[in-house]
């Protein structure tokens, strides 16, 4: 298990993340950049790193991620799901704790489609009586 990578994929909205983890020093790279530099917001970094905090593996796992599609929020959700799935492959005993916190559930919410005769999905054009 010295140089062995564990691979997983996560999705959220239209974002797809490919995750590789291995034992290491806690280095986290997203598309070749540091996570905070890539995601730009600390709350998104905290959201992504929650599975590592829960399993107390922060600083013991190296994470290399490729992510594409969607916006930053969707990419952060995809990273979190992929990281969680990779952790379960890394150590199957972590599954119960991660499942209890809801990290293994894919967030199925998607953008609602625009309807004809309306400005957006739910917004109507202004009504004129005369």
N, C-alpha and C. Protein backbone atom coordinates (compact mmCIF):
# COMPACT_ATOMS: atom_id res chain seq x y z
N UNK A 1 0.82 -1.18 0.00
CA UNK A 1 0.00 0.00 0.00
C UNK A 1 0.87 1.26 0.00
N UNK A 2 2.16 1.12 -0.25
CA UNK A 2 3.09 2.25 -0.17
C UNK A 2 2.82 3.29 -1.27
N UNK A 3 2.84 2.86 -2.53
CA UNK A 3 2.67 3.80 -3.63
C UNK A 3 1.38 3.54 -4.40
N UNK A 4 0.42 2.92 -3.74
CA UNK A 4 -0.82 2.54 -4.41
C UNK A 4 -1.83 3.68 -4.39
N UNK A 5 -2.37 4.01 -5.56
CA UNK A 5 -3.41 5.03 -5.68
C UNK A 5 -4.78 4.39 -5.61
N UNK A 6 -5.74 5.12 -5.04
CA UNK A 6 -7.13 4.69 -5.03
C UNK A 6 -7.92 5.71 -5.83
N UNK A 7 -8.62 5.24 -6.85
CA UNK A 7 -9.30 6.11 -7.80
C UNK A 7 -10.81 6.13 -7.54
N UNK A 8 -11.43 7.28 -7.77
CA UNK A 8 -12.88 7.39 -7.65
C UNK A 8 -13.36 8.58 -8.46
N UNK A 9 -14.66 8.58 -8.78
CA UNK A 9 -15.27 9.66 -9.55
C UNK A 9 -16.46 10.20 -8.76
N UNK A 10 -16.61 11.52 -8.80
CA UNK A 10 -17.74 12.17 -8.15
C UNK A 10 -18.41 13.13 -9.10
N UNK A 11 -19.73 13.29 -8.98
CA UNK A 11 -20.46 14.21 -9.84
C UNK A 11 -21.42 15.05 -9.01
N UNK A 12 -21.69 16.27 -9.51
CA UNK A 12 -22.66 17.17 -8.88
C UNK A 12 -23.08 18.18 -9.93
N UNK A 13 -24.38 18.36 -10.12
CA UNK A 13 -24.90 19.20 -11.19
C UNK A 13 -24.28 18.76 -12.51
N UNK A 14 -23.48 19.61 -13.17
CA UNK A 14 -22.84 19.19 -14.43
C UNK A 14 -21.33 19.04 -14.27
N UNK A 15 -20.84 19.02 -13.03
CA UNK A 15 -19.41 18.90 -12.77
C UNK A 15 -19.02 17.45 -12.53
N UNK A 16 -17.83 17.08 -13.02
CA UNK A 16 -17.30 15.73 -12.85
C UNK A 16 -15.89 15.83 -12.28
N UNK A 17 -15.62 15.08 -11.22
CA UNK A 17 -14.30 15.10 -10.59
C UNK A 17 -13.72 13.70 -10.57
N UNK A 18 -12.45 13.59 -10.97
CA UNK A 18 -11.71 12.34 -10.88
C UNK A 18 -10.69 12.50 -9.76
N UNK A 19 -10.72 11.59 -8.79
CA UNK A 19 -9.90 11.71 -7.59
C UNK A 19 -8.92 10.54 -7.51
N UNK A 20 -7.66 10.86 -7.15
CA UNK A 20 -6.65 9.84 -6.83
C UNK A 20 -6.12 10.15 -5.45
N UNK A 21 -6.16 9.17 -4.54
CA UNK A 21 -5.60 9.38 -3.21
C UNK A 21 -4.57 8.31 -2.92
N UNK A 22 -3.60 8.65 -2.06
CA UNK A 22 -2.63 7.70 -1.57
C UNK A 22 -2.11 8.20 -0.23
N UNK A 23 -1.49 7.33 0.52
CA UNK A 23 -0.89 7.73 1.79
C UNK A 23 0.21 8.74 1.51
N UNK A 24 0.29 9.77 2.36
CA UNK A 24 1.29 10.80 2.12
C UNK A 24 1.30 11.84 3.21
N UNK A 25 1.54 13.09 2.80
CA UNK A 25 1.75 14.17 3.76
C UNK A 25 0.59 15.16 3.83
N UNK A 26 -0.48 14.93 3.09
CA UNK A 26 -1.63 15.81 3.14
C UNK A 26 -1.67 16.84 2.02
N UNK A 27 -0.89 16.63 0.97
CA UNK A 27 -0.87 17.55 -0.17
C UNK A 27 -2.16 17.38 -0.98
N UNK A 28 -2.82 18.48 -1.31
CA UNK A 28 -4.08 18.43 -2.07
C UNK A 28 -3.94 19.32 -3.30
N UNK A 29 -4.06 18.72 -4.49
CA UNK A 29 -3.98 19.46 -5.74
C UNK A 29 -5.26 19.27 -6.55
N UNK A 30 -5.80 20.36 -7.06
CA UNK A 30 -6.97 20.31 -7.93
C UNK A 30 -6.56 20.96 -9.25
N UNK A 31 -6.60 20.20 -10.32
CA UNK A 31 -6.17 20.68 -11.65
C UNK A 31 -4.78 21.32 -11.59
N UNK A 32 -3.89 20.72 -10.81
CA UNK A 32 -2.51 21.19 -10.72
C UNK A 32 -2.28 22.39 -9.81
N UNK A 33 -3.32 22.86 -9.11
CA UNK A 33 -3.19 24.00 -8.21
C UNK A 33 -3.63 23.62 -6.80
N UNK A 34 -3.21 24.40 -5.82
CA UNK A 34 -3.67 24.20 -4.45
C UNK A 34 -5.19 24.38 -4.41
N UNK A 35 -5.85 23.67 -3.51
CA UNK A 35 -7.31 23.69 -3.49
C UNK A 35 -7.88 25.09 -3.23
N UNK A 36 -7.34 25.81 -2.25
CA UNK A 36 -7.87 27.14 -1.94
C UNK A 36 -7.63 28.10 -3.11
N UNK A 37 -6.51 27.94 -3.79
CA UNK A 37 -6.20 28.78 -4.95
C UNK A 37 -7.19 28.48 -6.09
N UNK A 38 -7.59 27.21 -6.24
CA UNK A 38 -8.51 26.83 -7.31
C UNK A 38 -9.96 27.21 -6.99
N UNK A 39 -10.43 26.87 -5.79
CA UNK A 39 -11.84 27.09 -5.43
C UNK A 39 -12.12 28.52 -4.97
N UNK A 40 -11.08 29.25 -4.55
CA UNK A 40 -11.17 30.68 -4.21
C UNK A 40 -11.94 31.01 -2.92
N UNK A 41 -12.73 30.11 -2.40
CA UNK A 41 -13.52 30.40 -1.19
C UNK A 41 -13.26 29.34 -0.12
N UNK A 42 -13.01 29.81 1.10
CA UNK A 42 -12.68 28.90 2.20
C UNK A 42 -13.84 27.97 2.53
N UNK A 43 -15.09 28.44 2.41
CA UNK A 43 -16.22 27.58 2.75
C UNK A 43 -16.32 26.39 1.79
N UNK A 44 -15.93 26.56 0.52
CA UNK A 44 -15.93 25.44 -0.42
C UNK A 44 -14.83 24.44 -0.07
N UNK A 45 -13.67 24.94 0.35
CA UNK A 45 -12.56 24.06 0.76
C UNK A 45 -12.98 23.25 1.98
N UNK A 46 -13.62 23.90 2.94
CA UNK A 46 -14.10 23.22 4.15
C UNK A 46 -15.12 22.14 3.78
N UNK A 47 -16.00 22.46 2.83
CA UNK A 47 -17.02 21.51 2.35
C UNK A 47 -16.36 20.27 1.75
N UNK A 48 -15.32 20.49 0.93
CA UNK A 48 -14.64 19.38 0.27
C UNK A 48 -13.86 18.52 1.27
N UNK A 49 -13.23 19.15 2.23
CA UNK A 49 -12.35 18.43 3.16
C UNK A 49 -13.10 17.79 4.34
N UNK A 50 -14.41 17.96 4.42
CA UNK A 50 -15.20 17.41 5.52
C UNK A 50 -15.03 15.89 5.69
N UNK A 51 -14.98 15.08 4.60
CA UNK A 51 -14.78 13.64 4.81
C UNK A 51 -13.43 13.31 5.46
N UNK A 52 -12.39 14.06 5.13
CA UNK A 52 -11.08 13.83 5.76
C UNK A 52 -11.11 14.22 7.23
N UNK A 53 -11.83 15.31 7.56
CA UNK A 53 -11.97 15.72 8.96
C UNK A 53 -12.73 14.66 9.76
N UNK A 54 -13.80 14.13 9.16
CA UNK A 54 -14.64 13.13 9.83
C UNK A 54 -13.86 11.86 10.14
N UNK A 55 -13.00 11.44 9.21
CA UNK A 55 -12.25 10.19 9.37
C UNK A 55 -10.89 10.41 10.03
N UNK A 56 -10.57 11.66 10.38
CA UNK A 56 -9.30 12.01 11.03
C UNK A 56 -8.08 11.61 10.20
N UNK A 57 -8.21 11.74 8.87
CA UNK A 57 -7.10 11.43 7.96
C UNK A 57 -6.48 12.69 7.36
N UNK A 58 -6.87 13.87 7.88
CA UNK A 58 -6.31 15.13 7.39
C UNK A 58 -4.79 15.14 7.64
N UNK A 59 -4.02 15.39 6.60
CA UNK A 59 -2.57 15.41 6.74
C UNK A 59 -1.91 14.06 6.54
N UNK A 60 -2.69 13.00 6.33
CA UNK A 60 -2.14 11.66 6.14
C UNK A 60 -2.37 11.14 4.73
N UNK A 61 -3.19 11.84 3.95
CA UNK A 61 -3.57 11.40 2.61
C UNK A 61 -3.21 12.49 1.60
N UNK A 62 -2.58 12.10 0.50
CA UNK A 62 -2.35 13.01 -0.63
C UNK A 62 -3.52 12.87 -1.59
N UNK A 63 -4.04 13.99 -2.08
CA UNK A 63 -5.18 13.99 -2.98
C UNK A 63 -4.78 14.71 -4.27
N UNK A 64 -4.99 14.05 -5.40
CA UNK A 64 -4.78 14.66 -6.71
C UNK A 64 -6.11 14.56 -7.45
N UNK A 65 -6.64 15.71 -7.86
CA UNK A 65 -7.97 15.73 -8.47
C UNK A 65 -7.95 16.46 -9.80
N UNK A 66 -8.75 15.94 -10.73
CA UNK A 66 -9.04 16.63 -11.99
C UNK A 66 -10.54 16.87 -11.99
N UNK A 67 -10.92 18.11 -12.27
CA UNK A 67 -12.35 18.44 -12.25
C UNK A 67 -12.68 19.31 -13.46
N UNK A 68 -13.86 19.06 -14.04
CA UNK A 68 -14.29 19.84 -15.19
C UNK A 68 -15.80 19.98 -15.19
N UNK A 69 -16.30 21.00 -15.89
CA UNK A 69 -17.73 21.22 -16.01
C UNK A 69 -18.31 21.96 -14.83
N UNK A 70 -19.42 22.64 -15.06
CA UNK A 70 -20.14 23.31 -13.99
C UNK A 70 -19.41 24.52 -13.44
N UNK A 71 -19.87 24.98 -12.29
CA UNK A 71 -19.26 26.11 -11.60
C UNK A 71 -18.50 25.64 -10.38
N UNK A 72 -18.02 26.57 -9.59
CA UNK A 72 -17.19 26.22 -8.44
C UNK A 72 -17.96 25.42 -7.39
N UNK A 73 -19.22 25.78 -7.13
CA UNK A 73 -20.01 25.07 -6.13
C UNK A 73 -20.26 23.62 -6.55
N UNK A 74 -20.62 23.42 -7.81
CA UNK A 74 -20.84 22.07 -8.32
C UNK A 74 -19.55 21.27 -8.32
N UNK A 75 -18.44 21.91 -8.66
CA UNK A 75 -17.15 21.22 -8.66
C UNK A 75 -16.75 20.82 -7.24
N UNK A 76 -17.04 21.68 -6.26
CA UNK A 76 -16.73 21.36 -4.87
C UNK A 76 -17.54 20.14 -4.41
N UNK A 77 -18.82 20.09 -4.78
CA UNK A 77 -19.66 18.93 -4.44
C UNK A 77 -19.16 17.66 -5.10
N UNK A 78 -18.71 17.76 -6.35
CA UNK A 78 -18.18 16.60 -7.06
C UNK A 78 -16.88 16.13 -6.42
N UNK A 79 -16.04 17.07 -6.01
CA UNK A 79 -14.78 16.72 -5.33
C UNK A 79 -15.06 15.99 -4.02
N UNK A 80 -16.03 16.48 -3.27
CA UNK A 80 -16.35 15.86 -1.97
C UNK A 80 -16.86 14.43 -2.15
N UNK A 81 -17.76 14.21 -3.11
CA UNK A 81 -18.29 12.87 -3.34
C UNK A 81 -17.19 11.93 -3.82
N UNK A 82 -16.34 12.41 -4.75
CA UNK A 82 -15.24 11.59 -5.25
C UNK A 82 -14.25 11.25 -4.16
N UNK A 83 -13.93 12.22 -3.32
CA UNK A 83 -13.01 11.99 -2.20
C UNK A 83 -13.58 10.96 -1.24
N UNK A 84 -14.85 11.06 -0.94
CA UNK A 84 -15.50 10.10 -0.05
C UNK A 84 -15.45 8.69 -0.62
N UNK A 85 -15.76 8.55 -1.91
CA UNK A 85 -15.72 7.24 -2.55
C UNK A 85 -14.31 6.67 -2.57
N UNK A 86 -13.31 7.51 -2.78
CA UNK A 86 -11.93 7.06 -2.76
C UNK A 86 -11.52 6.62 -1.36
N UNK A 87 -11.98 7.32 -0.34
CA UNK A 87 -11.67 6.94 1.05
C UNK A 87 -12.26 5.58 1.39
N UNK A 88 -13.46 5.29 0.88
CA UNK A 88 -14.07 3.98 1.13
C UNK A 88 -13.25 2.88 0.47
N UNK A 89 -12.71 3.15 -0.73
CA UNK A 89 -11.83 2.17 -1.38
C UNK A 89 -10.53 2.01 -0.61
N UNK A 90 -10.04 3.12 -0.06
CA UNK A 90 -8.80 3.12 0.73
C UNK A 90 -8.94 2.29 2.00
N UNK A 91 -10.08 2.46 2.68
CA UNK A 91 -10.33 1.71 3.93
C UNK A 91 -11.84 1.50 4.07
N UNK A 92 -12.28 0.27 3.86
CA UNK A 92 -13.71 -0.05 3.85
C UNK A 92 -14.37 0.16 5.22
N UNK A 93 -13.60 0.16 6.30
CA UNK A 93 -14.18 0.36 7.63
C UNK A 93 -14.68 1.79 7.85
N UNK A 94 -14.26 2.72 6.99
CA UNK A 94 -14.70 4.11 7.11
C UNK A 94 -16.11 4.32 6.56
N UNK A 95 -16.62 3.34 5.81
CA UNK A 95 -17.89 3.50 5.11
C UNK A 95 -19.05 3.87 6.04
N UNK A 96 -19.16 3.21 7.17
CA UNK A 96 -20.29 3.45 8.09
C UNK A 96 -20.31 4.89 8.58
N UNK A 97 -19.17 5.41 8.99
CA UNK A 97 -19.10 6.78 9.51
C UNK A 97 -19.40 7.79 8.41
N UNK A 98 -18.89 7.56 7.21
CA UNK A 98 -19.11 8.47 6.09
C UNK A 98 -20.57 8.44 5.64
N UNK A 99 -21.17 7.24 5.63
CA UNK A 99 -22.57 7.11 5.23
C UNK A 99 -23.49 7.81 6.23
N UNK A 100 -23.16 7.69 7.52
CA UNK A 100 -23.97 8.30 8.57
C UNK A 100 -24.01 9.82 8.43
N UNK A 101 -22.90 10.41 8.01
CA UNK A 101 -22.82 11.86 7.82
C UNK A 101 -23.42 12.30 6.49
N UNK A 102 -23.77 11.34 5.60
CA UNK A 102 -24.40 11.67 4.33
C UNK A 102 -23.43 12.01 3.22
N UNK A 103 -22.15 11.69 3.39
CA UNK A 103 -21.14 12.02 2.39
C UNK A 103 -21.21 11.12 1.16
N UNK A 104 -21.80 9.93 1.29
CA UNK A 104 -21.85 8.99 0.17
C UNK A 104 -23.08 9.19 -0.72
N UNK A 105 -23.96 10.11 -0.34
CA UNK A 105 -25.18 10.35 -1.12
C UNK A 105 -24.91 11.42 -2.16
N UNK A 106 -25.22 11.12 -3.43
CA UNK A 106 -25.05 12.12 -4.48
C UNK A 106 -26.19 13.11 -4.39
N UNK A 107 -25.88 14.39 -4.44
CA UNK A 107 -26.89 15.43 -4.42
C UNK A 107 -27.55 15.48 -5.80
N UNK A 108 -28.79 15.06 -5.89
CA UNK A 108 -29.46 14.87 -7.18
C UNK A 108 -30.08 16.14 -7.74
N UNK A 109 -29.98 17.26 -7.02
CA UNK A 109 -30.61 18.49 -7.49
C UNK A 109 -29.94 19.00 -8.76
N UNK A 110 -30.74 19.34 -9.75
CA UNK A 110 -30.24 19.88 -11.01
C UNK A 110 -30.98 21.18 -11.31
N UNK A 111 -30.47 21.94 -12.27
CA UNK A 111 -31.13 23.18 -12.67
C UNK A 111 -32.42 22.85 -13.40
N UNK A 112 -33.49 23.53 -13.02
CA UNK A 112 -34.78 23.32 -13.66
C UNK A 112 -34.77 23.96 -15.04
N UNK A 113 -35.38 23.30 -16.01
CA UNK A 113 -35.33 23.82 -17.38
C UNK A 113 -36.25 25.02 -17.56
N UNK A 114 -35.89 25.87 -18.51
CA UNK A 114 -36.70 27.02 -18.87
C UNK A 114 -37.93 26.54 -19.64
N UNK A 115 -39.10 27.13 -19.32
CA UNK A 115 -40.32 26.77 -20.03
C UNK A 115 -40.66 27.83 -21.08
N UNK A 116 -41.31 27.41 -22.15
CA UNK A 116 -41.71 28.37 -23.19
C UNK A 116 -42.79 29.28 -22.64
N UNK A 117 -42.83 30.50 -23.13
CA UNK A 117 -43.82 31.46 -22.66
C UNK A 117 -43.47 32.07 -21.32
N UNK A 118 -42.27 31.77 -20.80
CA UNK A 118 -41.84 32.33 -19.53
C UNK A 118 -40.44 32.90 -19.69
N UNK A 119 -40.07 33.81 -18.80
CA UNK A 119 -38.75 34.43 -18.86
C UNK A 119 -37.66 33.44 -18.46
N UNK A 120 -37.92 32.66 -17.38
CA UNK A 120 -36.96 31.66 -16.90
C UNK A 120 -37.75 30.42 -16.51
N UNK A 121 -37.19 29.58 -15.65
CA UNK A 121 -37.87 28.34 -15.28
C UNK A 121 -39.21 28.61 -14.60
N UNK A 122 -39.23 29.60 -13.70
CA UNK A 122 -40.48 29.90 -12.99
C UNK A 122 -40.93 31.34 -13.14
N UNK A 123 -40.01 32.24 -13.49
CA UNK A 123 -40.36 33.65 -13.64
C UNK A 123 -41.21 33.86 -14.88
N UNK A 124 -42.33 34.62 -14.71
CA UNK A 124 -43.21 34.89 -15.84
C UNK A 124 -42.87 36.25 -16.44
N UNK A 125 -43.29 36.46 -17.67
CA UNK A 125 -43.21 37.80 -18.24
C UNK A 125 -44.24 38.68 -17.54
N UNK A 126 -44.00 40.00 -17.52
CA UNK A 126 -44.90 40.91 -16.82
C UNK A 126 -46.30 40.87 -17.44
N UNK A 127 -47.29 40.77 -16.57
CA UNK A 127 -48.68 40.73 -17.03
C UNK A 127 -49.18 42.14 -17.28
N UNK A 128 -49.85 42.35 -18.40
CA UNK A 128 -50.43 43.66 -18.71
C UNK A 128 -51.92 43.49 -18.94
N UNK A 129 -52.71 44.18 -18.16
CA UNK A 129 -54.16 44.05 -18.27
C UNK A 129 -54.67 44.77 -19.53
N UNK A 130 -54.07 45.91 -19.86
CA UNK A 130 -54.48 46.68 -21.04
C UNK A 130 -53.33 46.91 -21.98
